[in-house]
Amino acid sequence: MRSAGFLSDRQRRFAWLGFLLAAFQAPLAAKVIDDASWLFAVVVALLVATVILADDAQRRRPTPSE
């Protein structure tokens, strides 16, 4: 039996949506904007990806048997 992660299914879907939006927005902003402010979108995408990976790791841990 698998343990649940710290994100609910709804939060997980929003995290994936946020990751995809930030990941697609960064290259588009890099073409449009002359300064390096588009790097913020890259940092946000990496942060959300880290949360998703941590949730995956927790979900894959086996539950301790009693």
PDB file of N, CA and C in Angstrom:
ATOM      1  N   MET A   1       0.838  -1.181   0.000  1.00  0.00           N
ATOM      2  CA  MET A   1       0.000   0.000   0.000  1.00  0.00           C
ATOM      3  C   MET A   1       0.888   1.253   0.000  1.00  0.00           C
ATOM      4  N   ARG A   2       0.505   2.244  -0.729  1.00  0.00           N
ATOM      5  CA  ARG A   2       1.288   3.471  -0.837  1.00  0.00           C
ATOM      6  C   ARG A   2       0.770   4.537   0.102  1.00  0.00           C
ATOM      7  N   SER A   3       1.709   5.331   0.583  1.00  0.00           N
ATOM      8  CA  SER A   3       1.292   6.447   1.430  1.00  0.00           C
ATOM      9  C   SER A   3       0.898   7.625   0.551  1.00  0.00           C
ATOM     10  N   ALA A   4       0.066   8.471   1.084  1.00  0.00           N
ATOM     11  CA  ALA A   4      -0.361   9.661   0.356  1.00  0.00           C
ATOM     12  C   ALA A   4       0.723  10.714   0.457  1.00  0.00           C
ATOM     13  N   GLY A   5       0.824  11.527  -0.571  1.00  0.00           N
ATOM     14  CA  GLY A   5       1.773  12.625  -0.546  1.00  0.00           C
ATOM     15  C   GLY A   5       1.217  13.779   0.265  1.00  0.00           C
ATOM     16  N   PHE A   6       1.980  14.844   0.352  1.00  0.00           N
ATOM     17  CA  PHE A   6       1.517  15.994   1.126  1.00  0.00           C
ATOM     18  C   PHE A   6       0.624  16.910   0.302  1.00  0.00           C
ATOM     19  N   LEU A   7       0.514  16.664  -1.009  1.00  0.00           N
ATOM     20  CA  LEU A   7      -0.406  17.428  -1.853  1.00  0.00           C
ATOM     21  C   LEU A   7      -1.663  16.602  -2.111  1.00  0.00           C
ATOM     22  N   SER A   8      -2.805  17.254  -2.092  1.00  0.00           N
ATOM     23  CA  SER A   8      -4.028  16.566  -2.485  1.00  0.00           C
ATOM     24  C   SER A   8      -4.031  16.456  -4.008  1.00  0.00           C
ATOM     25  N   ASP A   9      -4.967  15.687  -4.538  1.00  0.00           N
ATOM     26  CA  ASP A   9      -5.038  15.534  -5.990  1.00  0.00           C
ATOM     27  C   ASP A   9      -5.300  16.874  -6.679  1.00  0.00           C
ATOM     28  N   ARG A  10      -6.147  17.684  -6.060  1.00  0.00           N
ATOM     29  CA  ARG A  10      -6.463  18.994  -6.644  1.00  0.00           C
ATOM     30  C   ARG A  10      -5.232  19.908  -6.620  1.00  0.00           C
ATOM     31  N   GLN A  11      -4.520  19.921  -5.498  1.00  0.00           N
ATOM     32  CA  GLN A  11      -3.307  20.732  -5.402  1.00  0.00           C
ATOM     33  C   GLN A  11      -2.252  20.249  -6.390  1.00  0.00           C
ATOM     34  N   ARG A  12      -2.195  18.944  -6.590  1.00  0.00           N
ATOM     35  CA  ARG A  12      -1.235  18.380  -7.537  1.00  0.00           C
ATOM     36  C   ARG A  12      -1.543  18.816  -8.961  1.00  0.00           C
ATOM     37  N   ARG A  13      -2.820  18.829  -9.323  1.00  0.00           N
ATOM     38  CA  ARG A  13      -3.205  19.295 -10.665  1.00  0.00           C
ATOM     39  C   ARG A  13      -2.860  20.770 -10.847  1.00  0.00           C
ATOM     40  N   PHE A  14      -3.123  21.593  -9.815  1.00  0.00           N
ATOM     41  CA  PHE A  14      -2.775  23.015  -9.898  1.00  0.00           C
ATOM     42  C   PHE A  14      -1.263  23.215  -9.966  1.00  0.00           C
ATOM     43  N   ALA A  15      -0.505  22.372  -9.269  1.00  0.00           N
ATOM     44  CA  ALA A  15       0.951  22.469  -9.330  1.00  0.00           C
ATOM     45  C   ALA A  15       1.449  22.159 -10.736  1.00  0.00           C
ATOM     46  N   TRP A  16       0.886  21.130 -11.350  1.00  0.00           N
ATOM     47  CA  TRP A  16       1.278  20.814 -12.731  1.00  0.00           C
ATOM     48  C   TRP A  16       0.891  21.943 -13.684  1.00  0.00           C
ATOM     49  N   LEU A  17      -0.294  22.508 -13.489  1.00  0.00           N
ATOM     50  CA  LEU A  17      -0.729  23.616 -14.334  1.00  0.00           C
ATOM     51  C   LEU A  17       0.200  24.819 -14.165  1.00  0.00           C
ATOM     52  N   GLY A  18       0.543  25.140 -12.919  1.00  0.00           N
ATOM     53  CA  GLY A  18       1.455  26.246 -12.658  1.00  0.00           C
ATOM     54  C   GLY A  18       2.824  26.001 -13.256  1.00  0.00           C
ATOM     55  N   PHE A  19       3.303  24.768 -13.155  1.00  0.00           N
ATOM     56  CA  PHE A  19       4.597  24.435 -13.754  1.00  0.00           C
ATOM     57  C   PHE A  19       4.574  24.621 -15.264  1.00  0.00           C
ATOM     58  N   LEU A  20       3.551  24.094 -15.896  1.00  0.00           N
ATOM     59  CA  LEU A  20       3.471  24.202 -17.365  1.00  0.00           C
ATOM     60  C   LEU A  20       3.331  25.647 -17.825  1.00  0.00           C
ATOM     61  N   LEU A  21       2.506  26.418 -17.121  1.00  0.00           N
ATOM     62  CA  LEU A  21       2.351  27.827 -17.495  1.00  0.00           C
ATOM     63  C   LEU A  21       3.653  28.598 -17.349  1.00  0.00           C
ATOM     64  N   ALA A  22       4.358  28.392 -16.245  1.00  0.00           N
ATOM     65  CA  ALA A  22       5.627  29.090 -16.027  1.00  0.00           C
ATOM     66  C   ALA A  22       6.690  28.625 -17.016  1.00  0.00           C
ATOM     67  N   ALA A  23       6.696  27.329 -17.313  1.00  0.00           N
ATOM     68  CA  ALA A  23       7.690  26.793 -18.242  1.00  0.00           C
ATOM     69  C   ALA A  23       7.477  27.294 -19.667  1.00  0.00           C
ATOM     70  N   PHE A  24       6.229  27.481 -20.063  1.00  0.00           N
ATOM     71  CA  PHE A  24       5.965  27.995 -21.413  1.00  0.00           C
ATOM     72  C   PHE A  24       6.065  29.512 -21.486  1.00  0.00           C
ATOM     73  N   GLN A  25       5.806  30.178 -20.362  1.00  0.00           N
ATOM     74  CA  GLN A  25       5.850  31.636 -20.350  1.00  0.00           C
ATOM     75  C   GLN A  25       7.277  32.163 -20.413  1.00  0.00           C
ATOM     76  N   ALA A  26       8.223  31.465 -19.818  1.00  0.00           N
ATOM     77  CA  ALA A  26       9.609  31.941 -19.736  1.00  0.00           C
ATOM     78  C   ALA A  26      10.254  32.160 -21.105  1.00  0.00           C
ATOM     79  N   PRO A  27      10.218  31.197 -22.019  1.00  0.00           N
ATOM     80  CA  PRO A  27      10.848  31.458 -23.326  1.00  0.00           C
ATOM     81  C   PRO A  27      10.123  32.525 -24.140  1.00  0.00           C
ATOM     82  N   LEU A  28       8.808  32.597 -23.978  1.00  0.00           N
ATOM     83  CA  LEU A  28       8.066  33.632 -24.707  1.00  0.00           C
ATOM     84  C   LEU A  28       8.435  35.017 -24.187  1.00  0.00           C
ATOM     85  N   ALA A  29       8.543  35.139 -22.861  1.00  0.00           N
ATOM     86  CA  ALA A  29       8.918  36.424 -22.275  1.00  0.00           C
ATOM     87  C   ALA A  29      10.355  36.784 -22.635  1.00  0.00           C
ATOM     88  N   ALA A  30      11.221  35.808 -22.757  1.00  0.00           N
ATOM     89  CA  ALA A  30      12.619  36.077 -23.108  1.00  0.00           C
ATOM     90  C   ALA A  30      12.726  36.701 -24.497  1.00  0.00           C
ATOM     91  N   LYS A  31      11.831  36.317 -25.400  1.00  0.00           N
ATOM     92  CA  LYS A  31      11.847  36.895 -26.751  1.00  0.00           C
ATOM     93  C   LYS A  31      11.275  38.296 -26.772  1.00  0.00           C
ATOM     94  N   VAL A  32      10.308  38.567 -25.912  1.00  0.00           N
ATOM     95  CA  VAL A  32       9.603  39.843 -25.926  1.00  0.00           C
ATOM     96  C   VAL A  32      10.295  40.904 -25.066  1.00  0.00           C
ATOM     97  N   ILE A  33      10.806  40.476 -23.901  1.00  0.00           N
ATOM     98  CA  ILE A  33      11.367  41.420 -22.931  1.00  0.00           C
ATOM     99  C   ILE A  33      12.882  41.464 -23.079  1.00  0.00           C
ATOM    100  N   ASP A  34      13.445  42.674 -23.034  1.00  0.00           N
ATOM    101  CA  ASP A  34      14.888  42.825 -23.207  1.00  0.00           C
ATOM    102  C   ASP A  34      15.682  42.530 -21.941  1.00  0.00           C
ATOM    103  N   ASP A  35      15.106  42.762 -20.768  1.00  0.00           N
ATOM    104  CA  ASP A  35      15.862  42.514 -19.541  1.00  0.00           C
ATOM    105  C   ASP A  35      15.747  41.040 -19.128  1.00  0.00           C
ATOM    106  N   ALA A  36      16.336  40.704 -18.009  1.00  0.00           N
ATOM    107  CA  ALA A  36      16.382  39.305 -17.564  1.00  0.00           C
ATOM    108  C   ALA A  36      15.269  38.958 -16.588  1.00  0.00           C
ATOM    109  N   SER A  37      14.182  39.703 -16.587  1.00  0.00           N
ATOM    110  CA  SER A  37      13.099  39.417 -15.651  1.00  0.00           C
ATOM    111  C   SER A  37      12.388  38.100 -15.970  1.00  0.00           C
ATOM    112  N   TRP A  38      12.572  37.569 -17.149  1.00  0.00           N
ATOM    113  CA  TRP A  38      11.975  36.290 -17.508  1.00  0.00           C
ATOM    114  C   TRP A  38      12.584  35.141 -16.694  1.00  0.00           C
ATOM    115  N   LEU A  39      13.764  35.375 -16.103  1.00  0.00           N
ATOM    116  CA  LEU A  39      14.378  34.341 -15.278  1.00  0.00           C
ATOM    117  C   LEU A  39      13.533  34.010 -14.046  1.00  0.00           C
ATOM    118  N   PHE A  40      12.718  34.961 -13.608  1.00  0.00           N
ATOM    119  CA  PHE A  40      11.834  34.704 -12.474  1.00  0.00           C
ATOM    120  C   PHE A  40      10.877  33.562 -12.794  1.00  0.00           C
ATOM    121  N   ALA A  41      10.362  33.504 -14.016  1.00  0.00           N
ATOM    122  CA  ALA A  41       9.472  32.410 -14.416  1.00  0.00           C
ATOM    123  C   ALA A  41      10.205  31.072 -14.393  1.00  0.00           C
ATOM    124  N   VAL A  42      11.475  31.083 -14.742  1.00  0.00           N
ATOM    125  CA  VAL A  42      12.265  29.852 -14.699  1.00  0.00           C
ATOM    126  C   VAL A  42      12.436  29.394 -13.253  1.00  0.00           C
ATOM    127  N   VAL A  43      12.718  30.325 -12.359  1.00  0.00           N
ATOM    128  CA  VAL A  43      12.885  29.989 -10.947  1.00  0.00           C
ATOM    129  C   VAL A  43      11.573  29.442 -10.361  1.00  0.00           C
ATOM    130  N   VAL A  44      10.459  30.065 -10.698  1.00  0.00           N
ATOM    131  CA  VAL A  44       9.158  29.588 -10.215  1.00  0.00           C
ATOM    132  C   VAL A  44       8.882  28.186 -10.743  1.00  0.00           C
ATOM    133  N   ALA A  45       9.162  27.944 -12.029  1.00  0.00           N
ATOM    134  CA  ALA A  45       8.937  26.617 -12.607  1.00  0.00           C
ATOM    135  C   ALA A  45       9.800  25.573 -11.909  1.00  0.00           C
ATOM    136  N   LEU A  46      11.052  25.912 -11.606  1.00  0.00           N
ATOM    137  CA  LEU A  46      11.929  24.962 -10.905  1.00  0.00           C
ATOM    138  C   LEU A  46      11.454  24.701  -9.479  1.00  0.00           C
ATOM    139  N   LEU A  47      10.957  25.726  -8.816  1.00  0.00           N
ATOM    140  CA  LEU A  47      10.443  25.561  -7.460  1.00  0.00           C
ATOM    141  C   LEU A  47       9.215  24.651  -7.448  1.00  0.00           C
ATOM    142  N   VAL A  48       8.301  24.870  -8.371  1.00  0.00           N
ATOM    143  CA  VAL A  48       7.092  24.034  -8.439  1.00  0.00           C
ATOM    144  C   VAL A  48       7.459  22.607  -8.824  1.00  0.00           C
ATOM    145  N   ALA A  49       8.423  22.448  -9.724  1.00  0.00           N
ATOM    146  CA  ALA A  49       8.868  21.104 -10.108  1.00  0.00           C
ATOM    147  C   ALA A  49       9.468  20.373  -8.910  1.00  0.00           C
ATOM    148  N   THR A  50      10.199  21.087  -8.065  1.00  0.00           N
ATOM    149  CA  THR A  50      10.779  20.483  -6.865  1.00  0.00           C
ATOM    150  C   THR A  50       9.689  19.997  -5.915  1.00  0.00           C
ATOM    151  N   VAL A  51       8.633  20.780  -5.772  1.00  0.00           N
ATOM    152  CA  VAL A  51       7.510  20.380  -4.904  1.00  0.00           C
ATOM    153  C   VAL A  51       6.829  19.141  -5.469  1.00  0.00           C
ATOM    154  N   ILE A  52       6.630  19.099  -6.777  1.00  0.00           N
ATOM    155  CA  ILE A  52       5.990  17.934  -7.404  1.00  0.00           C
ATOM    156  C   ILE A  52       6.855  16.693  -7.221  1.00  0.00           C
ATOM    157  N   LEU A  53       8.172  16.829  -7.403  1.00  0.00           N
ATOM    158  CA  LEU A  53       9.071  15.684  -7.221  1.00  0.00           C
ATOM    159  C   LEU A  53       9.101  15.207  -5.771  1.00  0.00           C
ATOM    160  N   ALA A  54       9.078  16.136  -4.827  1.00  0.00           N
ATOM    161  CA  ALA A  54       9.049  15.745  -3.417  1.00  0.00           C
ATOM    162  C   ALA A  54       7.753  15.012  -3.083  1.00  0.00           C
ATOM    163  N   ASP A  55       6.634  15.469  -3.650  1.00  0.00           N
ATOM    164  CA  ASP A  55       5.361  14.792  -3.431  1.00  0.00           C
ATOM    165  C   ASP A  55       5.394  13.392  -4.039  1.00  0.00           C
ATOM    166  N   ASP A  56       5.979  13.255  -5.221  1.00  0.00           N
ATOM    167  CA  ASP A  56       6.123  11.936  -5.847  1.00  0.00           C
ATOM    168  C   ASP A  56       6.941  10.993  -4.973  1.00  0.00           C
ATOM    169  N   ALA A  57       8.036  11.511  -4.435  1.00  0.00           N
ATOM    170  CA  ALA A  57       8.895  10.675  -3.594  1.00  0.00           C
ATOM    171  C   ALA A  57       8.152  10.216  -2.349  1.00  0.00           C
ATOM    172  N   GLN A  58       7.353  11.096  -1.763  1.00  0.00           N
ATOM    173  CA  GLN A  58       6.599  10.706  -0.569  1.00  0.00           C
ATOM    174  C   GLN A  58       5.497   9.713  -0.922  1.00  0.00           C
ATOM    175  N   ARG A  59       4.889   9.861  -2.078  1.00  0.00           N
ATOM    176  CA  ARG A  59       3.828   8.929  -2.478  1.00  0.00           C
ATOM    177  C   ARG A  59       4.379   7.533  -2.755  1.00  0.00           C
ATOM    178  N   ARG A  60       5.620   7.443  -3.180  1.00  0.00           N
ATOM    179  CA  ARG A  60       6.208   6.145  -3.525  1.00  0.00           C
ATOM    180  C   ARG A  60       6.775   5.400  -2.340  1.00  0.00           C
ATOM    181  N   ARG A  61       6.855   6.072  -1.200  1.00  0.00           N
ATOM    182  CA  ARG A  61       7.314   5.397   0.013  1.00  0.00           C
ATOM    183  C   ARG A  61       6.279   4.388   0.474  1.00  0.00           C
ATOM    184  N   PRO A  62       6.716   3.202   0.823  1.00  0.00           N
ATOM    185  CA  PRO A  62       5.742   2.242   1.350  1.00  0.00           C
ATOM    186  C   PRO A  62       5.291   2.670   2.740  1.00  0.00           C
ATOM    187  N   THR A  63       4.053   2.380   3.038  1.00  0.00           N
ATOM    188  CA  THR A  63       3.530   2.703   4.363  1.00  0.00           C
ATOM    189  C   THR A  63       4.072   1.693   5.361  1.00  0.00           C
ATOM    190  N   PRO A  64       4.419   2.133   6.550  1.00  0.00           N
ATOM    191  CA  PRO A  64       4.920   1.161   7.543  1.00  0.00           C
ATOM    192  C   PRO A  64       3.792   0.218   7.965  1.00  0.00           C
ATOM    193  N   SER A  65       4.088  -1.057   7.958  1.00  0.00           N
ATOM    194  CA  SER A  65       3.059  -2.037   8.357  1.00  0.00           C
ATOM    195  C   SER A  65       3.027  -2.147   9.878  1.00  0.00           C
ATOM    196  N   GLU A  66       1.862  -2.321  10.364  1.00  0.00           N
ATOM    197  CA  GLU A  66       1.681  -2.371  11.824  1.00  0.00           C
ATOM    198  C   GLU A  66       1.695  -3.781  12.319  1.00  0.00           C
TER     199      GLU A  66
END
